[in-house]
Amino acid sequence: MKRTFVPLLLWAAGTLGPVHAQSLIVSAAASLKDALTAVNATFQAAQPGIKIAVNYGASGALQHQIEHGAPADVFISAAAKPMDALAAQGLLLKGTRADLLTNTLVLIGPPGAKVPKDFPGLTAPEVRRIAVGEPKSVPAGQYAEEIFAHFGITGAVAPKLVFAKDVRAVLTYTETGNVDAGIVYLTDARHSKSATILASAPDDAHQPVTYPAAIIASSKHPEAARAYLRFLCSEEAEAIFKSFGFGIPGC
């Protein structure tokens, strides 16, 4: 079914009128930065009265910020777990959660790298340092752990791991040659002008990479936030997300 963006309208004094002078704070996974910047520019062109400020970071870290009262109207996570935790505490506006995007995990190396050729190759002696997101707060790091377990290499790679605050930091470590390999999302690798994609993780090697989005229950502008989420699910926004390499489950 075709999904189009309809500008938000509110009842005011018995008449309909556009939303005016509202600011939304969006807490979003770091891997969304480039795509969401483009999507937000399109949204704000259609809704100049709604300003968007984005707080990018590791999904787990953003979850904890919201739990401790940090202002946020919308949360977009790179995994279900942080969103589930907020839902369990009643911190999401009921009925607003939707699976927005999907992604793929890839193994990358510095510019021109040819080793390792695949994930089992991470055990090779010439691979000394492997960058991954900190599993306690970065979903990509949690997926990396699942990939290691899938290939039976957890023990062999453990001494080589370099933990980063988010996937963008993993990308930087790898691009600069500070590590021999890194695990990031396909969308991050496509953004890079220098990292080499060495292999893609099999679908059965980790939990599905899903990006859920929801409105925070304490939002001061829930109707504007609803309009924003509707736009994120529109065909216009989907086309932008696709151009950055994201999958669209159809929210």
C-alpha atoms as a PDB file:
ATOM      1  CA  MET A   1       0.000   0.000   0.000  1.00  0.00           C
ATOM      2  CA  LYS A   2       1.335   3.399  -0.939  1.00  0.00           C
ATOM      3  CA  ARG A   3       2.440   5.488   2.039  1.00  0.00           C
ATOM      4  CA  THR A   4       2.629   9.241   1.604  1.00  0.00           C
ATOM      5  CA  PHE A   5       3.404  12.013   4.049  1.00  0.00           C
ATOM      6  CA  VAL A   6       0.466  14.198   5.034  1.00  0.00           C
ATOM      7  CA  PRO A   7       1.477  17.396   6.911  1.00  0.00           C
ATOM      8  CA  LEU A   8       0.314  17.330  10.512  1.00  0.00           C
ATOM      9  CA  LEU A   9      -2.842  19.315  11.228  1.00  0.00           C
ATOM     10  CA  LEU A  10      -4.286  20.169  14.631  1.00  0.00           C
ATOM     11  CA  TRP A  11      -7.691  21.392  15.725  1.00  0.00           C
ATOM     12  CA  ALA A  12      -7.428  24.973  17.019  1.00  0.00           C
ATOM     13  CA  ALA A  13     -10.385  27.192  17.861  1.00  0.00           C
ATOM     14  CA  GLY A  14     -12.606  25.008  15.691  1.00  0.00           C
ATOM     15  CA  THR A  15     -10.379  25.240  12.603  1.00  0.00           C
ATOM     16  CA  LEU A  16      -7.505  23.277  11.206  1.00  0.00           C
ATOM     17  CA  GLY A  17      -4.046  24.791  11.081  1.00  0.00           C
ATOM     18  CA  PRO A  18      -0.399  23.708  10.729  1.00  0.00           C
ATOM     19  CA  VAL A  19       1.859  22.963  13.659  1.00  0.00           C
ATOM     20  CA  HIS A  20       3.957  25.992  14.597  1.00  0.00           C
ATOM     21  CA  ALA A  21       7.269  26.542  16.369  1.00  0.00           C
ATOM     22  CA  GLN A  22       7.832  23.145  17.904  1.00  0.00           C
ATOM     23  CA  SER A  23      11.180  21.473  18.486  1.00  0.00           C
ATOM     24  CA  LEU A  24      11.627  17.715  18.572  1.00  0.00           C
ATOM     25  CA  ILE A  25      14.593  15.985  20.168  1.00  0.00           C
ATOM     26  CA  VAL A  26      15.392  12.703  18.431  1.00  0.00           C
ATOM     27  CA  SER A  27      17.756  10.219  20.078  1.00  0.00           C
ATOM     28  CA  ALA A  28      19.088   8.018  17.270  1.00  0.00           C
ATOM     29  CA  ALA A  29      21.648   5.273  16.750  1.00  0.00           C
ATOM     30  CA  ALA A  30      24.980   6.585  15.457  1.00  0.00           C
ATOM     31  CA  SER A  31      24.734   4.430  12.335  1.00  0.00           C
ATOM     32  CA  LEU A  32      21.758   6.515  11.193  1.00  0.00           C
ATOM     33  CA  LYS A  33      23.574   9.839  11.088  1.00  0.00           C
ATOM     34  CA  ASP A  34      24.041  10.333   7.347  1.00  0.00           C
ATOM     35  CA  ALA A  35      20.707   8.932   6.249  1.00  0.00           C
ATOM     36  CA  LEU A  36      18.711  10.648   8.984  1.00  0.00           C
ATOM     37  CA  THR A  37      20.360  13.990   8.234  1.00  0.00           C
ATOM     38  CA  ALA A  38      19.061  13.733   4.670  1.00  0.00           C
ATOM     39  CA  VAL A  39      15.619  12.543   5.776  1.00  0.00           C
ATOM     40  CA  ASN A  40      15.298  15.338   8.335  1.00  0.00           C
ATOM     41  CA  ALA A  41      16.180  17.976   5.771  1.00  0.00           C
ATOM     42  CA  THR A  42      13.328  16.760   3.581  1.00  0.00           C
ATOM     43  CA  PHE A  43      10.927  16.634   6.533  1.00  0.00           C
ATOM     44  CA  GLN A  44      11.762  20.156   7.659  1.00  0.00           C
ATOM     45  CA  ALA A  45      11.331  21.505   4.145  1.00  0.00           C
ATOM     46  CA  ALA A  46       7.737  20.223   4.323  1.00  0.00           C
ATOM     47  CA  GLN A  47       7.234  21.198   7.974  1.00  0.00           C
ATOM     48  CA  PRO A  48       9.278  24.365   8.630  1.00  0.00           C
ATOM     49  CA  GLY A  49       7.435  24.876  11.911  1.00  0.00           C
ATOM     50  CA  ILE A  50       8.883  21.682  13.400  1.00  0.00           C
ATOM     51  CA  LYS A  51      12.582  21.825  14.181  1.00  0.00           C
ATOM     52  CA  ILE A  52      14.554  18.613  14.633  1.00  0.00           C
ATOM     53  CA  ALA A  53      17.548  18.259  16.953  1.00  0.00           C
ATOM     54  CA  VAL A  54      19.253  14.856  16.922  1.00  0.00           C
ATOM     55  CA  ASN A  55      21.295  13.250  19.679  1.00  0.00           C
ATOM     56  CA  TYR A  56      23.361  10.478  18.066  1.00  0.00           C
ATOM     57  CA  GLY A  57      25.052   7.739  20.056  1.00  0.00           C
ATOM     58  CA  ALA A  58      25.195   4.057  20.926  1.00  0.00           C
ATOM     59  CA  SER A  59      21.658   2.719  21.341  1.00  0.00           C
ATOM     60  CA  GLY A  60      22.329   1.370  24.824  1.00  0.00           C
ATOM     61  CA  ALA A  61      23.796   4.673  25.966  1.00  0.00           C
ATOM     62  CA  LEU A  62      20.793   6.561  24.583  1.00  0.00           C
ATOM     63  CA  GLN A  63      18.484   4.134  26.373  1.00  0.00           C
ATOM     64  CA  HIS A  64      20.176   4.889  29.698  1.00  0.00           C
ATOM     65  CA  GLN A  65      20.003   8.637  29.055  1.00  0.00           C
ATOM     66  CA  ILE A  66      16.248   8.407  28.522  1.00  0.00           C
ATOM     67  CA  GLU A  67      15.850   6.225  31.606  1.00  0.00           C
ATOM     68  CA  HIS A  68      17.590   8.917  33.645  1.00  0.00           C
ATOM     69  CA  GLY A  69      15.334  11.698  32.387  1.00  0.00           C
ATOM     70  CA  ALA A  70      17.247  13.115  29.432  1.00  0.00           C
ATOM     71  CA  PRO A  71      14.816  15.024  27.189  1.00  0.00           C
ATOM     72  CA  ALA A  72      13.749  13.110  24.088  1.00  0.00           C
ATOM     73  CA  ASP A  73      10.640  13.002  21.949  1.00  0.00           C
ATOM     74  CA  VAL A  74      11.563  10.131  19.626  1.00  0.00           C
ATOM     75  CA  PHE A  75      13.979   7.227  20.023  1.00  0.00           C
ATOM     76  CA  ILE A  76      15.367   5.230  17.085  1.00  0.00           C
ATOM     77  CA  SER A  77      17.450   2.255  18.189  1.00  0.00           C
ATOM     78  CA  ALA A  78      19.731  -0.063  16.207  1.00  0.00           C
ATOM     79  CA  ALA A  79      18.317  -3.080  18.053  1.00  0.00           C
ATOM     80  CA  ALA A  80      15.144  -4.194  19.778  1.00  0.00           C
ATOM     81  CA  LYS A  81      16.721  -4.699  23.215  1.00  0.00           C
ATOM     82  CA  PRO A  82      17.135  -1.003  24.204  1.00  0.00           C
ATOM     83  CA  MET A  83      13.595  -0.272  23.011  1.00  0.00           C
ATOM     84  CA  ASP A  84      12.256  -3.301  24.882  1.00  0.00           C
ATOM     85  CA  ALA A  85      13.881  -2.014  28.070  1.00  0.00           C
ATOM     86  CA  LEU A  86      12.164   1.363  27.764  1.00  0.00           C
ATOM     87  CA  ALA A  87       8.839  -0.287  26.960  1.00  0.00           C
ATOM     88  CA  ALA A  88       9.097  -2.499  30.057  1.00  0.00           C
ATOM     89  CA  GLN A  89       9.418   0.650  32.180  1.00  0.00           C
ATOM     90  CA  GLY A  90       6.450   2.368  30.568  1.00  0.00           C
ATOM     91  CA  LEU A  91       8.653   5.029  28.977  1.00  0.00           C
ATOM     92  CA  LEU A  92       7.245   4.691  25.448  1.00  0.00           C
ATOM     93  CA  LEU A  93       4.016   6.236  24.218  1.00  0.00           C
ATOM     94  CA  LYS A  94       1.744   3.259  23.659  1.00  0.00           C
ATOM     95  CA  GLY A  95       0.948   2.318  20.088  1.00  0.00           C
ATOM     96  CA  THR A  96       3.774   4.325  18.518  1.00  0.00           C
ATOM     97  CA  ARG A  97       6.512   1.693  18.208  1.00  0.00           C
ATOM     98  CA  ALA A  98       7.312   0.500  14.687  1.00  0.00           C
ATOM     99  CA  ASP A  99      10.175  -1.368  13.017  1.00  0.00           C
ATOM    100  CA  LEU A 100      11.620   1.289  10.750  1.00  0.00           C
ATOM    101  CA  LEU A 101      14.697  -0.199   9.050  1.00  0.00           C
ATOM    102  CA  THR A 102      16.951  -3.227   8.704  1.00  0.00           C
ATOM    103  CA  ASN A 103      20.697  -3.522   8.105  1.00  0.00           C
ATOM    104  CA  THR A 104      23.543  -5.992   7.459  1.00  0.00           C
ATOM    105  CA  LEU A 105      26.818  -6.609   9.329  1.00  0.00           C
ATOM    106  CA  VAL A 106      30.059  -6.584   7.340  1.00  0.00           C
ATOM    107  CA  LEU A 107      33.725  -7.210   8.026  1.00  0.00           C
ATOM    108  CA  ILE A 108      35.962  -4.347   6.897  1.00  0.00           C
ATOM    109  CA  GLY A 109      39.688  -3.671   6.684  1.00  0.00           C
ATOM    110  CA  PRO A 110      41.934  -0.645   6.122  1.00  0.00           C
ATOM    111  CA  PRO A 111      42.273   0.761   2.584  1.00  0.00           C
ATOM    112  CA  GLY A 112      43.372  -1.978   0.176  1.00  0.00           C
ATOM    113  CA  ALA A 113      43.214  -4.756   2.783  1.00  0.00           C
ATOM    114  CA  LYS A 114      43.000  -8.346   1.529  1.00  0.00           C
ATOM    115  CA  VAL A 115      43.267 -10.136   4.868  1.00  0.00           C
ATOM    116  CA  PRO A 116      41.199 -11.464   6.504  1.00  0.00           C
ATOM    117  CA  LYS A 117      39.089 -12.810   3.655  1.00  0.00           C
ATOM    118  CA  ASP A 118      36.230 -13.864   5.930  1.00  0.00           C
ATOM    119  CA  PHE A 119      35.200 -13.956   9.589  1.00  0.00           C
ATOM    120  CA  PRO A 120      37.067 -17.216  10.426  1.00  0.00           C
ATOM    121  CA  GLY A 121      40.140 -15.475   9.006  1.00  0.00           C
ATOM    122  CA  LEU A 122      40.119 -13.178  12.050  1.00  0.00           C
ATOM    123  CA  THR A 123      41.999 -15.927  13.873  1.00  0.00           C
ATOM    124  CA  ALA A 124      45.013 -15.570  11.545  1.00  0.00           C
ATOM    125  CA  PRO A 125      48.198 -14.363  13.314  1.00  0.00           C
ATOM    126  CA  GLU A 126      48.578 -11.365  10.980  1.00  0.00           C
ATOM    127  CA  VAL A 127      45.241 -10.049  12.275  1.00  0.00           C
ATOM    128  CA  ARG A 128      46.328  -8.527  15.566  1.00  0.00           C
ATOM    129  CA  ARG A 129      43.636  -5.945  16.371  1.00  0.00           C
ATOM    130  CA  ILE A 130      39.902  -6.129  15.639  1.00  0.00           C
ATOM    131  CA  ALA A 131      37.612  -3.167  16.325  1.00  0.00           C
ATOM    132  CA  VAL A 132      34.046  -3.817  17.503  1.00  0.00           C
ATOM    133  CA  GLY A 133      31.433  -1.771  19.305  1.00  0.00           C
ATOM    134  CA  GLU A 134      31.360  -2.076  23.095  1.00  0.00           C
ATOM    135  CA  PRO A 135      28.823  -4.912  23.544  1.00  0.00           C
ATOM    136  CA  LYS A 136      27.367  -3.431  26.735  1.00  0.00           C
ATOM    137  CA  SER A 137      26.005  -0.414  24.874  1.00  0.00           C
ATOM    138  CA  VAL A 138      26.509  -0.885  21.112  1.00  0.00           C
ATOM    139  CA  PRO A 139      24.162  -3.306  19.314  1.00  0.00           C
ATOM    140  CA  ALA A 140      26.742  -3.844  16.545  1.00  0.00           C
ATOM    141  CA  GLY A 141      29.119  -5.114  19.237  1.00  0.00           C
ATOM    142  CA  GLN A 142      26.463  -7.526  20.468  1.00  0.00           C
ATOM    143  CA  TYR A 143      25.904  -8.766  16.924  1.00  0.00           C
ATOM    144  CA  ALA A 144      29.686  -9.186  16.563  1.00  0.00           C
ATOM    145  CA  GLU A 145      29.721 -11.452  19.612  1.00  0.00           C
ATOM    146  CA  GLU A 146      26.988 -13.558  18.033  1.00  0.00           C
ATOM    147  CA  ILE A 147      28.991 -13.795  14.791  1.00  0.00           C
ATOM    148  CA  PHE A 148      32.097 -14.961  16.671  1.00  0.00           C
ATOM    149  CA  ALA A 149      30.041 -17.609  18.456  1.00  0.00           C
ATOM    150  CA  HIS A 150      28.457 -18.720  15.192  1.00  0.00           C
ATOM    151  CA  PHE A 151      31.885 -19.392  13.670  1.00  0.00           C
ATOM    152  CA  GLY A 152      33.316 -20.844  16.898  1.00  0.00           C
ATOM    153  CA  ILE A 153      36.094 -18.234  17.158  1.00  0.00           C
ATOM    154  CA  THR A 154      35.115 -16.363  20.331  1.00  0.00           C
ATOM    155  CA  GLY A 155      38.104 -17.521  22.371  1.00  0.00           C
ATOM    156  CA  ALA A 156      40.595 -17.020  19.562  1.00  0.00           C
ATOM    157  CA  VAL A 157      39.616 -13.405  18.830  1.00  0.00           C
ATOM    158  CA  ALA A 158      38.987 -12.230  22.404  1.00  0.00           C
ATOM    159  CA  PRO A 159      42.602 -11.032  23.026  1.00  0.00           C
ATOM    160  CA  LYS A 160      42.538  -9.061  19.764  1.00  0.00           C
ATOM    161  CA  LEU A 161      39.404  -7.014  20.380  1.00  0.00           C
ATOM    162  CA  VAL A 162      39.479  -3.215  20.567  1.00  0.00           C
ATOM    163  CA  PHE A 163      36.204  -1.812  21.890  1.00  0.00           C
ATOM    164  CA  ALA A 164      34.741   1.412  20.497  1.00  0.00           C
ATOM    165  CA  LYS A 165      31.957   3.689  21.747  1.00  0.00           C
ATOM    166  CA  ASP A 166      29.893   3.229  18.560  1.00  0.00           C
ATOM    167  CA  VAL A 167      30.122   1.868  15.015  1.00  0.00           C
ATOM    168  CA  ARG A 168      31.381   5.157  13.628  1.00  0.00           C
ATOM    169  CA  ALA A 169      34.381   4.906  15.933  1.00  0.00           C
ATOM    170  CA  VAL A 170      34.953   1.336  14.676  1.00  0.00           C
ATOM    171  CA  LEU A 171      34.892   2.703  11.142  1.00  0.00           C
ATOM    172  CA  THR A 172      37.426   5.411  11.998  1.00  0.00           C
ATOM    173  CA  TYR A 173      39.795   2.968  13.720  1.00  0.00           C
ATOM    174  CA  THR A 174      39.723   0.774  10.619  1.00  0.00           C
ATOM    175  CA  GLU A 175      39.992   3.547   8.034  1.00  0.00           C
ATOM    176  CA  THR A 176      43.104   4.912   9.740  1.00  0.00           C
ATOM    177  CA  GLY A 177      44.784   1.496   9.990  1.00  0.00           C
ATOM    178  CA  ASN A 178      44.812   1.510  13.779  1.00  0.00           C
ATOM    179  CA  VAL A 179      43.240  -1.947  13.601  1.00  0.00           C
ATOM    180  CA  ASP A 180      43.484  -4.750  11.073  1.00  0.00           C
ATOM    181  CA  ALA A 181      39.737  -5.322  10.831  1.00  0.00           C
ATOM    182  CA  GLY A 182      36.430  -4.056  12.132  1.00  0.00           C
ATOM    183  CA  ILE A 183      32.785  -5.066  12.175  1.00  0.00           C
ATOM    184  CA  VAL A 184      30.255  -2.417  11.170  1.00  0.00           C
ATOM    185  CA  TYR A 185      26.947  -2.101   9.377  1.00  0.00           C
ATOM    186  CA  LEU A 186      26.869  -2.168   5.593  1.00  0.00           C
ATOM    187  CA  THR A 187      25.516   1.385   5.628  1.00  0.00           C
ATOM    188  CA  ASP A 188      28.594   2.581   7.546  1.00  0.00           C
ATOM    189  CA  ALA A 189      30.943   0.794   5.160  1.00  0.00           C
ATOM    190  CA  ARG A 190      29.197   2.326   2.153  1.00  0.00           C
ATOM    191  CA  HIS A 191      29.606   5.746   3.741  1.00  0.00           C
ATOM    192  CA  SER A 192      33.362   5.245   4.003  1.00  0.00           C
ATOM    193  CA  LYS A 193      35.617   6.444   1.203  1.00  0.00           C
ATOM    194  CA  SER A 194      38.557   4.279   2.245  1.00  0.00           C
ATOM    195  CA  ALA A 195      37.552   1.165   4.220  1.00  0.00           C
ATOM    196  CA  THR A 196      37.555  -2.133   2.328  1.00  0.00           C
ATOM    197  CA  ILE A 197      34.570  -4.471   2.645  1.00  0.00           C
ATOM    198  CA  LEU A 198      35.967  -7.983   3.102  1.00  0.00           C
ATOM    199  CA  ALA A 199      32.899 -10.112   3.861  1.00  0.00           C
ATOM    200  CA  SER A 200      29.226  -9.976   4.822  1.00  0.00           C
ATOM    201  CA  ALA A 201      27.895 -11.861   7.831  1.00  0.00           C
ATOM    202  CA  PRO A 202      25.460 -14.685   6.976  1.00  0.00           C
ATOM    203  CA  ASP A 203      21.865 -13.954   7.988  1.00  0.00           C
ATOM    204  CA  ASP A 204      21.884 -16.881  10.425  1.00  0.00           C
ATOM    205  CA  ALA A 205      25.067 -15.720  12.170  1.00  0.00           C
ATOM    206  CA  HIS A 206      23.296 -13.153  14.350  1.00  0.00           C
ATOM    207  CA  GLN A 207      19.915 -11.821  15.360  1.00  0.00           C
ATOM    208  CA  PRO A 208      18.173  -9.742  12.671  1.00  0.00           C
ATOM    209  CA  VAL A 209      19.373  -6.138  12.640  1.00  0.00           C
ATOM    210  CA  THR A 210      16.199  -4.124  13.125  1.00  0.00           C
ATOM    211  CA  TYR A 211      15.815  -0.421  13.905  1.00  0.00           C
ATOM    212  CA  PRO A 212      12.656   0.209  15.943  1.00  0.00           C
ATOM    213  CA  ALA A 213      11.358   3.752  16.441  1.00  0.00           C
ATOM    214  CA  ALA A 214       8.916   5.080  19.028  1.00  0.00           C
ATOM    215  CA  ILE A 215       7.734   8.229  20.737  1.00  0.00           C
ATOM    216  CA  ILE A 216       8.853   8.757  24.330  1.00  0.00           C
ATOM    217  CA  ALA A 217       5.952   8.949  26.781  1.00  0.00           C
ATOM    218  CA  SER A 218       7.262  12.173  28.320  1.00  0.00           C
ATOM    219  CA  SER A 219       7.418  13.975  24.957  1.00  0.00           C
ATOM    220  CA  LYS A 220       6.231  17.572  25.183  1.00  0.00           C
ATOM    221  CA  HIS A 221       5.138  17.510  21.540  1.00  0.00           C
ATOM    222  CA  PRO A 222       3.515  14.106  20.935  1.00  0.00           C
ATOM    223  CA  GLU A 223       1.447  15.210  17.926  1.00  0.00           C
ATOM    224  CA  ALA A 224       4.468  16.711  16.159  1.00  0.00           C
ATOM    225  CA  ALA A 225       6.358  13.514  17.027  1.00  0.00           C
ATOM    226  CA  ARG A 226       3.564  11.454  15.447  1.00  0.00           C
ATOM    227  CA  ALA A 227       3.848  13.519  12.282  1.00  0.00           C
ATOM    228  CA  TYR A 228       7.593  12.899  12.244  1.00  0.00           C
ATOM    229  CA  LEU A 229       7.170   9.137  12.637  1.00  0.00           C
ATOM    230  CA  ARG A 230       4.574   9.098   9.876  1.00  0.00           C
ATOM    231  CA  PHE A 231       7.083  10.775   7.609  1.00  0.00           C
ATOM    232  CA  LEU A 232       9.822   8.286   8.525  1.00  0.00           C
ATOM    233  CA  CYS A 233       7.473   5.553   7.282  1.00  0.00           C
ATOM    234  CA  SER A 234       6.507   7.394   4.090  1.00  0.00           C
ATOM    235  CA  GLU A 235       7.650   6.382   0.615  1.00  0.00           C
ATOM    236  CA  GLU A 236       9.629   9.614   0.362  1.00  0.00           C
ATOM    237  CA  ALA A 237      11.674   8.831   3.463  1.00  0.00           C
ATOM    238  CA  GLU A 238      11.993   5.169   2.528  1.00  0.00           C
ATOM    239  CA  ALA A 239      13.580   6.116  -0.804  1.00  0.00           C
ATOM    240  CA  ILE A 240      16.215   8.147   1.047  1.00  0.00           C
ATOM    241  CA  PHE A 241      16.945   5.365   3.529  1.00  0.00           C
ATOM    242  CA  LYS A 242      17.265   2.861   0.676  1.00  0.00           C
ATOM    243  CA  SER A 243      19.779   5.099  -1.088  1.00  0.00           C
ATOM    244  CA  PHE A 244      22.007   4.805   2.003  1.00  0.00           C
ATOM    245  CA  GLY A 245      21.761   0.994   1.972  1.00  0.00           C
ATOM    246  CA  PHE A 246      19.088   0.343   4.608  1.00  0.00           C
ATOM    247  CA  GLY A 247      16.434  -2.313   4.217  1.00  0.00           C
ATOM    248  CA  ILE A 248      12.779  -1.315   4.596  1.00  0.00           C
ATOM    249  CA  PRO A 249      10.540  -3.764   6.491  1.00  0.00           C
ATOM    250  CA  GLY A 250       7.479  -1.532   5.970  1.00  0.00           C
ATOM    251  CA  CYS A 251       6.400   0.156   9.196  1.00  0.00           C
END
